[in-house]
């Protein structure tokens, strides 16, 4: 799992570095096959939380097993 995350982070950071090297976001996105919206999403994540903010976050809802609903409990 960690190796997969490292590959994803390298890809995302690679896009940011390529855009900086080329000096052109559109060209970097075209080379990497991503949209400019994605680039700016990655860029704002890095600016707000560093490279660690690029890790994929789980969107799964927590599963509370054997939990009684609050309305029933009262």
PDB file of N, CA and C in Angstrom:
ATOM      1  N   UNK A   1       0.828  -1.199   0.000  1.00  0.00           N
ATOM      2  CA  UNK A   1       0.000   0.000   0.000  1.00  0.00           C
ATOM      3  C   UNK A   1       0.869   1.259   0.000  1.00  0.00           C
ATOM      4  N   UNK A   2       1.949   1.230   0.777  1.00  0.00           N
ATOM      5  CA  UNK A   2       2.811   2.403   0.857  1.00  0.00           C
ATOM      6  C   UNK A   2       3.496   2.643  -0.487  1.00  0.00           C
ATOM      7  N   UNK A   3       3.935   1.566  -1.157  1.00  0.00           N
ATOM      8  CA  UNK A   3       4.580   1.722  -2.457  1.00  0.00           C
ATOM      9  C   UNK A   3       3.642   2.376  -3.458  1.00  0.00           C
ATOM     10  N   UNK A   4       2.372   2.016  -3.407  1.00  0.00           N
ATOM     11  CA  UNK A   4       1.383   2.599  -4.306  1.00  0.00           C
ATOM     12  C   UNK A   4       1.223   4.089  -4.024  1.00  0.00           C
ATOM     13  N   UNK A   5       1.171   4.463  -2.743  1.00  0.00           N
ATOM     14  CA  UNK A   5       1.048   5.876  -2.383  1.00  0.00           C
ATOM     15  C   UNK A   5       2.272   6.663  -2.822  1.00  0.00           C
ATOM     16  N   UNK A   6       3.452   6.062  -2.705  1.00  0.00           N
ATOM     17  CA  UNK A   6       4.681   6.743  -3.117  1.00  0.00           C
ATOM     18  C   UNK A   6       4.656   7.004  -4.619  1.00  0.00           C
ATOM     19  N   UNK A   7       4.187   6.037  -5.399  1.00  0.00           N
ATOM     20  CA  UNK A   7       4.088   6.226  -6.848  1.00  0.00           C
ATOM     21  C   UNK A   7       3.127   7.359  -7.187  1.00  0.00           C
ATOM     22  N   UNK A   8       2.013   7.406  -6.485  1.00  0.00           N
ATOM     23  CA  UNK A   8       1.016   8.451  -6.733  1.00  0.00           C
ATOM     24  C   UNK A   8       1.583   9.820  -6.383  1.00  0.00           C
ATOM     25  N   UNK A   9       2.264   9.907  -5.244  1.00  0.00           N
ATOM     26  CA  UNK A   9       2.850  11.185  -4.823  1.00  0.00           C
ATOM     27  C   UNK A   9       3.920  11.627  -5.816  1.00  0.00           C
ATOM     28  N   UNK A  10       4.762  10.709  -6.273  1.00  0.00           N
ATOM     29  CA  UNK A  10       5.803  11.061  -7.243  1.00  0.00           C
ATOM     30  C   UNK A  10       5.180  11.603  -8.527  1.00  0.00           C
ATOM     31  N   UNK A  11       4.075  11.005  -8.948  1.00  0.00           N
ATOM     32  CA  UNK A  11       3.395  11.461 -10.165  1.00  0.00           C
ATOM     33  C   UNK A  11       2.851  12.882  -9.974  1.00  0.00           C
ATOM     34  N   UNK A  12       2.246  13.127  -8.827  1.00  0.00           N
ATOM     35  CA  UNK A  12       1.664  14.444  -8.560  1.00  0.00           C
ATOM     36  C   UNK A  12       2.750  15.502  -8.420  1.00  0.00           C
ATOM     37  N   UNK A  13       3.815  15.179  -7.685  1.00  0.00           N
ATOM     38  CA  UNK A  13       4.920  16.124  -7.514  1.00  0.00           C
ATOM     39  C   UNK A  13       5.634  16.326  -8.848  1.00  0.00           C
ATOM     40  N   UNK A  14       5.702  15.269  -9.649  1.00  0.00           N
ATOM     41  CA  UNK A  14       6.314  15.383 -10.971  1.00  0.00           C
ATOM     42  C   UNK A  14       5.592  16.392 -11.844  1.00  0.00           C
ATOM     43  N   UNK A  15       4.281  16.410 -11.768  1.00  0.00           N
ATOM     44  CA  UNK A  15       3.504  17.397 -12.527  1.00  0.00           C
ATOM     45  C   UNK A  15       3.843  18.809 -12.064  1.00  0.00           C
ATOM     46  N   UNK A  16       3.905  19.007 -10.760  1.00  0.00           N
ATOM     47  CA  UNK A  16       4.220  20.335 -10.235  1.00  0.00           C
ATOM     48  C   UNK A  16       5.629  20.766 -10.646  1.00  0.00           C
ATOM     49  N   UNK A  17       6.591  19.846 -10.575  1.00  0.00           N
ATOM     50  CA  UNK A  17       7.969  20.162 -10.956  1.00  0.00           C
ATOM     51  C   UNK A  17       8.095  20.437 -12.450  1.00  0.00           C
ATOM     52  N   UNK A  18       7.406  19.656 -13.264  1.00  0.00           N
ATOM     53  CA  UNK A  18       7.457  19.853 -14.714  1.00  0.00           C
ATOM     54  C   UNK A  18       6.898  21.218 -15.096  1.00  0.00           C
ATOM     55  N   UNK A  19       5.814  21.616 -14.462  1.00  0.00           N
ATOM     56  CA  UNK A  19       5.227  22.927 -14.748  1.00  0.00           C
ATOM     57  C   UNK A  19       6.203  24.039 -14.376  1.00  0.00           C
ATOM     58  N   UNK A  20       6.921  23.834 -13.278  1.00  0.00           N
ATOM     59  CA  UNK A  20       7.895  24.848 -12.860  1.00  0.00           C
ATOM     60  C   UNK A  20       9.069  24.900 -13.841  1.00  0.00           C
ATOM     61  N   UNK A  21       9.540  23.735 -14.292  1.00  0.00           N
ATOM     62  CA  UNK A  21      10.658  23.690 -15.240  1.00  0.00           C
ATOM     63  C   UNK A  21      10.289  24.312 -16.582  1.00  0.00           C
ATOM     64  N   UNK A  22       9.112  23.960 -17.087  1.00  0.00           N
ATOM     65  CA  UNK A  22       8.684  24.475 -18.387  1.00  0.00           C
ATOM     66  C   UNK A  22       8.241  25.926 -18.309  1.00  0.00           C
ATOM     67  N   UNK A  23       7.766  26.328 -17.148  1.00  0.00           N
ATOM     68  CA  UNK A  23       7.238  27.674 -17.007  1.00  0.00           C
ATOM     69  C   UNK A  23       5.876  27.823 -17.653  1.00  0.00           C
ATOM     70  N   UNK A  24       5.228  26.689 -17.942  1.00  0.00           N
ATOM     71  CA  UNK A  24       3.939  26.717 -18.614  1.00  0.00           C
ATOM     72  C   UNK A  24       3.087  25.565 -18.083  1.00  0.00           C
ATOM     73  N   UNK A  25       2.031  25.910 -17.382  1.00  0.00           N
ATOM     74  CA  UNK A  25       1.161  24.909 -16.769  1.00  0.00           C
ATOM     75  C   UNK A  25       0.431  24.099 -17.836  1.00  0.00           C
ATOM     76  N   UNK A  26      -0.044  24.748 -18.880  1.00  0.00           N
ATOM     77  CA  UNK A  26      -0.796  24.046 -19.927  1.00  0.00           C
ATOM     78  C   UNK A  26       0.040  22.965 -20.598  1.00  0.00           C
ATOM     79  N   UNK A  27       1.292  23.281 -20.924  1.00  0.00           N
ATOM     80  CA  UNK A  27       2.160  22.294 -21.567  1.00  0.00           C
ATOM     81  C   UNK A  27       2.456  21.133 -20.629  1.00  0.00           C
ATOM     82  N   UNK A  28       2.714  21.437 -19.369  1.00  0.00           N
ATOM     83  CA  UNK A  28       3.008  20.383 -18.395  1.00  0.00           C
ATOM     84  C   UNK A  28       1.813  19.449 -18.243  1.00  0.00           C
ATOM     85  N   UNK A  29       0.631  20.012 -18.189  1.00  0.00           N
ATOM     86  CA  UNK A  29      -0.580  19.194 -18.050  1.00  0.00           C
ATOM     87  C   UNK A  29      -0.816  18.344 -19.290  1.00  0.00           C
ATOM     88  N   UNK A  30      -0.532  18.906 -20.455  1.00  0.00           N
ATOM     89  CA  UNK A  30      -0.707  18.152 -21.697  1.00  0.00           C
ATOM     90  C   UNK A  30       0.269  16.978 -21.754  1.00  0.00           C
ATOM     91  N   UNK A  31       1.515  17.204 -21.341  1.00  0.00           N
ATOM     92  CA  UNK A  31       2.526  16.144 -21.337  1.00  0.00           C
ATOM     93  C   UNK A  31       2.141  15.036 -20.364  1.00  0.00           C
ATOM     94  N   UNK A  32       1.653  15.406 -19.193  1.00  0.00           N
ATOM     95  CA  UNK A  32       1.308  14.427 -18.154  1.00  0.00           C
ATOM     96  C   UNK A  32      -0.087  13.837 -18.350  1.00  0.00           C
ATOM     97  N   UNK A  33      -0.893  14.436 -19.215  1.00  0.00           N
ATOM     98  CA  UNK A  33      -2.231  13.912 -19.485  1.00  0.00           C
ATOM     99  C   UNK A  33      -3.239  14.240 -18.401  1.00  0.00           C
ATOM    100  N   UNK A  34      -3.065  15.376 -17.748  1.00  0.00           N
ATOM    101  CA  UNK A  34      -3.982  15.810 -16.692  1.00  0.00           C
ATOM    102  C   UNK A  34      -4.535  17.188 -17.025  1.00  0.00           C
ATOM    103  N   UNK A  35      -5.626  17.555 -16.376  1.00  0.00           N
ATOM    104  CA  UNK A  35      -6.236  18.861 -16.625  1.00  0.00           C
ATOM    105  C   UNK A  35      -5.555  19.937 -15.781  1.00  0.00           C
ATOM    106  N   UNK A  36      -5.735  21.178 -16.204  1.00  0.00           N
ATOM    107  CA  UNK A  36      -5.187  22.290 -15.426  1.00  0.00           C
ATOM    108  C   UNK A  36      -5.885  22.407 -14.078  1.00  0.00           C
ATOM    109  N   UNK A  37      -7.167  22.059 -14.021  1.00  0.00           N
ATOM    110  CA  UNK A  37      -7.881  22.067 -12.738  1.00  0.00           C
ATOM    111  C   UNK A  37      -7.208  21.123 -11.748  1.00  0.00           C
ATOM    112  N   UNK A  38      -6.804  19.961 -12.232  1.00  0.00           N
ATOM    113  CA  UNK A  38      -6.111  19.000 -11.376  1.00  0.00           C
ATOM    114  C   UNK A  38      -4.791  19.580 -10.902  1.00  0.00           C
ATOM    115  N   UNK A  39      -4.048  20.233 -11.803  1.00  0.00           N
ATOM    116  CA  UNK A  39      -2.779  20.865 -11.416  1.00  0.00           C
ATOM    117  C   UNK A  39      -2.990  21.868 -10.299  1.00  0.00           C
ATOM    118  N   UNK A  40      -3.968  22.745 -10.464  1.00  0.00           N
ATOM    119  CA  UNK A  40      -4.184  23.780  -9.458  1.00  0.00           C
ATOM    120  C   UNK A  40      -4.720  23.198  -8.147  1.00  0.00           C
ATOM    121  N   UNK A  41      -5.436  22.077  -8.222  1.00  0.00           N
ATOM    122  CA  UNK A  41      -5.879  21.394  -6.999  1.00  0.00           C
ATOM    123  C   UNK A  41      -4.663  20.843  -6.245  1.00  0.00           C
ATOM    124  N   UNK A  42      -3.734  20.221  -6.979  1.00  0.00           N
ATOM    125  CA  UNK A  42      -2.506  19.715  -6.365  1.00  0.00           C
ATOM    126  C   UNK A  42      -1.687  20.859  -5.785  1.00  0.00           C
ATOM    127  N   UNK A  43      -1.586  21.941  -6.538  1.00  0.00           N
ATOM    128  CA  UNK A  43      -0.781  23.082  -6.104  1.00  0.00           C
ATOM    129  C   UNK A  43      -1.341  23.689  -4.825  1.00  0.00           C
ATOM    130  N   UNK A  44      -2.650  23.863  -4.747  1.00  0.00           N
ATOM    131  CA  UNK A  44      -3.241  24.446  -3.534  1.00  0.00           C
ATOM    132  C   UNK A  44      -3.103  23.493  -2.355  1.00  0.00           C
ATOM    133  N   UNK A  45      -3.164  22.185  -2.605  1.00  0.00           N
ATOM    134  CA  UNK A  45      -2.980  21.214  -1.523  1.00  0.00           C
ATOM    135  C   UNK A  45      -1.570  21.305  -0.962  1.00  0.00           C
ATOM    136  N   UNK A  46      -0.575  21.431  -1.830  1.00  0.00           N
ATOM    137  CA  UNK A  46       0.813  21.538  -1.378  1.00  0.00           C
ATOM    138  C   UNK A  46       1.032  22.845  -0.633  1.00  0.00           C
ATOM    139  N   UNK A  47       0.442  23.925  -1.116  1.00  0.00           N
ATOM    140  CA  UNK A  47       0.603  25.218  -0.449  1.00  0.00           C
ATOM    141  C   UNK A  47      -0.040  25.221   0.929  1.00  0.00           C
ATOM    142  N   UNK A  48      -1.155  24.525   1.083  1.00  0.00           N
ATOM    143  CA  UNK A  48      -1.857  24.543   2.369  1.00  0.00           C
ATOM    144  C   UNK A  48      -1.328  23.510   3.356  1.00  0.00           C
ATOM    145  N   UNK A  49      -0.900  22.334   2.858  1.00  0.00           N
ATOM    146  CA  UNK A  49      -0.509  21.286   3.796  1.00  0.00           C
ATOM    147  C   UNK A  49       0.780  20.574   3.471  1.00  0.00           C
ATOM    148  N   UNK A  50       1.557  21.077   2.537  1.00  0.00           N
ATOM    149  CA  UNK A  50       2.798  20.413   2.172  1.00  0.00           C
ATOM    150  C   UNK A  50       2.547  19.205   1.286  1.00  0.00           C
ATOM    151  N   UNK A  51       3.605  18.465   1.014  1.00  0.00           N
ATOM    152  CA  UNK A  51       3.515  17.305   0.129  1.00  0.00           C
ATOM    153  C   UNK A  51       2.621  16.228   0.736  1.00  0.00           C
ATOM    154  N   UNK A  52       2.559  16.147   2.058  1.00  0.00           N
ATOM    155  CA  UNK A  52       1.707  15.142   2.711  1.00  0.00           C
ATOM    156  C   UNK A  52       0.233  15.334   2.366  1.00  0.00           C
ATOM    157  N   UNK A  53      -0.152  16.537   1.977  1.00  0.00           N
ATOM    158  CA  UNK A  53      -1.551  16.805   1.628  1.00  0.00           C
ATOM    159  C   UNK A  53      -1.940  16.147   0.302  1.00  0.00           C
ATOM    160  N   UNK A  54      -0.957  15.663  -0.457  1.00  0.00           N
ATOM    161  CA  UNK A  54      -1.247  15.022  -1.737  1.00  0.00           C
ATOM    162  C   UNK A  54      -1.677  13.568  -1.589  1.00  0.00           C
ATOM    163  N   UNK A  55      -1.521  12.984  -0.397  1.00  0.00           N
ATOM    164  CA  UNK A  55      -1.964  11.606  -0.189  1.00  0.00           C
ATOM    165  C   UNK A  55      -3.469  11.535  -0.367  1.00  0.00           C
ATOM    166  N   UNK A  56      -3.926  10.455  -1.009  1.00  0.00           N
ATOM    167  CA  UNK A  56      -5.359  10.251  -1.201  1.00  0.00           C
ATOM    168  C   UNK A  56      -6.025  10.007   0.141  1.00  0.00           C
ATOM    169  N   UNK A  57      -7.095  10.718   0.386  1.00  0.00           N
ATOM    170  CA  UNK A  57      -7.836  10.564   1.633  1.00  0.00           C
ATOM    171  C   UNK A  57      -8.998   9.609   1.400  1.00  0.00           C
ATOM    172  N   UNK A  58      -9.290   8.814   2.393  1.00  0.00           N
ATOM    173  CA  UNK A  58     -10.402   7.876   2.289  1.00  0.00           C
ATOM    174  C   UNK A  58     -11.716   8.646   2.332  1.00  0.00           C
ATOM    175  N   UNK A  59     -12.604   8.333   1.406  1.00  0.00           N
ATOM    176  CA  UNK A  59     -13.917   8.981   1.366  1.00  0.00           C
ATOM    177  C   UNK A  59     -14.998   8.068   1.920  1.00  0.00           C
ATOM    178  N   UNK A  60     -14.584   6.957   2.458  1.00  0.00           N
ATOM    179  CA  UNK A  60     -15.524   5.971   2.962  1.00  0.00           C
ATOM    180  C   UNK A  60     -16.130   6.440   4.278  1.00  0.00           C
ATOM    181  N   UNK A  61     -17.419   6.239   4.420  1.00  0.00           N
ATOM    182  CA  UNK A  61     -18.114   6.581   5.656  1.00  0.00           C
ATOM    183  C   UNK A  61     -17.737   5.570   6.734  1.00  0.00           C
ATOM    184  N   UNK A  62     -17.551   6.018   7.965  1.00  0.00           N
ATOM    185  CA  UNK A  62     -17.223   5.062   9.021  1.00  0.00           C
ATOM    186  C   UNK A  62     -18.365   4.079   9.244  1.00  0.00           C
ATOM    187  N   UNK A  63     -18.015   2.841   9.511  1.00  0.00           N
ATOM    188  CA  UNK A  63     -18.991   1.783   9.715  1.00  0.00           C
ATOM    189  C   UNK A  63     -19.084   1.495  11.213  1.00  0.00           C
ATOM    190  N   UNK A  64     -20.168   1.899  11.838  1.00  0.00           N
ATOM    191  CA  UNK A  64     -20.363   1.689  13.268  1.00  0.00           C
ATOM    192  C   UNK A  64     -21.171   0.414  13.464  1.00  0.00           C
ATOM    193  N   UNK A  65     -20.474  -0.689  13.642  1.00  0.00           N
ATOM    194  CA  UNK A  65     -21.148  -1.971  13.805  1.00  0.00           C
ATOM    195  C   UNK A  65     -21.784  -2.057  15.185  1.00  0.00           C
ATOM    196  N   UNK A  66     -22.893  -2.742  15.240  1.00  0.00           N
ATOM    197  CA  UNK A  66     -23.608  -2.983  16.498  1.00  0.00           C
ATOM    198  C   UNK A  66     -23.941  -1.686  17.231  1.00  0.00           C
ATOM    199  N   UNK A  67     -24.247  -0.676  16.502  1.00  0.00           N
ATOM    200  CA  UNK A  67     -24.558   0.620  17.099  1.00  0.00           C
ATOM    201  C   UNK A  67     -26.057   0.864  16.952  1.00  0.00           C
ATOM    202  N   UNK A  68     -26.702   1.245  18.046  1.00  0.00           N
ATOM    203  CA  UNK A  68     -28.127   1.547  18.026  1.00  0.00           C
ATOM    204  C   UNK A  68     -28.295   3.009  17.645  1.00  0.00           C
ATOM    205  N   UNK A  69     -29.248   3.287  16.786  1.00  0.00           N
ATOM    206  CA  UNK A  69     -29.509   4.648  16.359  1.00  0.00           C
ATOM    207  C   UNK A  69     -29.891   5.504  17.567  1.00  0.00           C
ATOM    208  N   UNK A  70     -29.444   6.761  17.591  1.00  0.00           N
ATOM    209  CA  UNK A  70     -29.711   7.651  18.729  1.00  0.00           C
ATOM    210  C   UNK A  70     -31.202   7.821  18.988  1.00  0.00           C
ATOM    211  N   UNK A  71     -32.014   7.901  17.934  1.00  0.00           N
ATOM    212  CA  UNK A  71     -33.456   8.094  18.129  1.00  0.00           C
ATOM    213  C   UNK A  71     -34.091   6.869  18.788  1.00  0.00           C
ATOM    214  N   UNK A  72     -33.597   5.694  18.509  1.00  0.00           N
ATOM    215  CA  UNK A  72     -34.133   4.474  19.119  1.00  0.00           C
ATOM    216  C   UNK A  72     -33.646   4.341  20.560  1.00  0.00           C
ATOM    217  N   UNK A  73     -32.422   4.745  20.801  1.00  0.00           N
ATOM    218  CA  UNK A  73     -31.825   4.601  22.128  1.00  0.00           C
ATOM    219  C   UNK A  73     -32.568   5.429  23.177  1.00  0.00           C
ATOM    220  N   UNK A  74     -33.097   6.563  22.811  1.00  0.00           N
ATOM    221  CA  UNK A  74     -33.778   7.435  23.770  1.00  0.00           C
ATOM    222  C   UNK A  74     -35.142   6.881  24.014  1.00  0.00           C
TER     223      UNK A  74
END
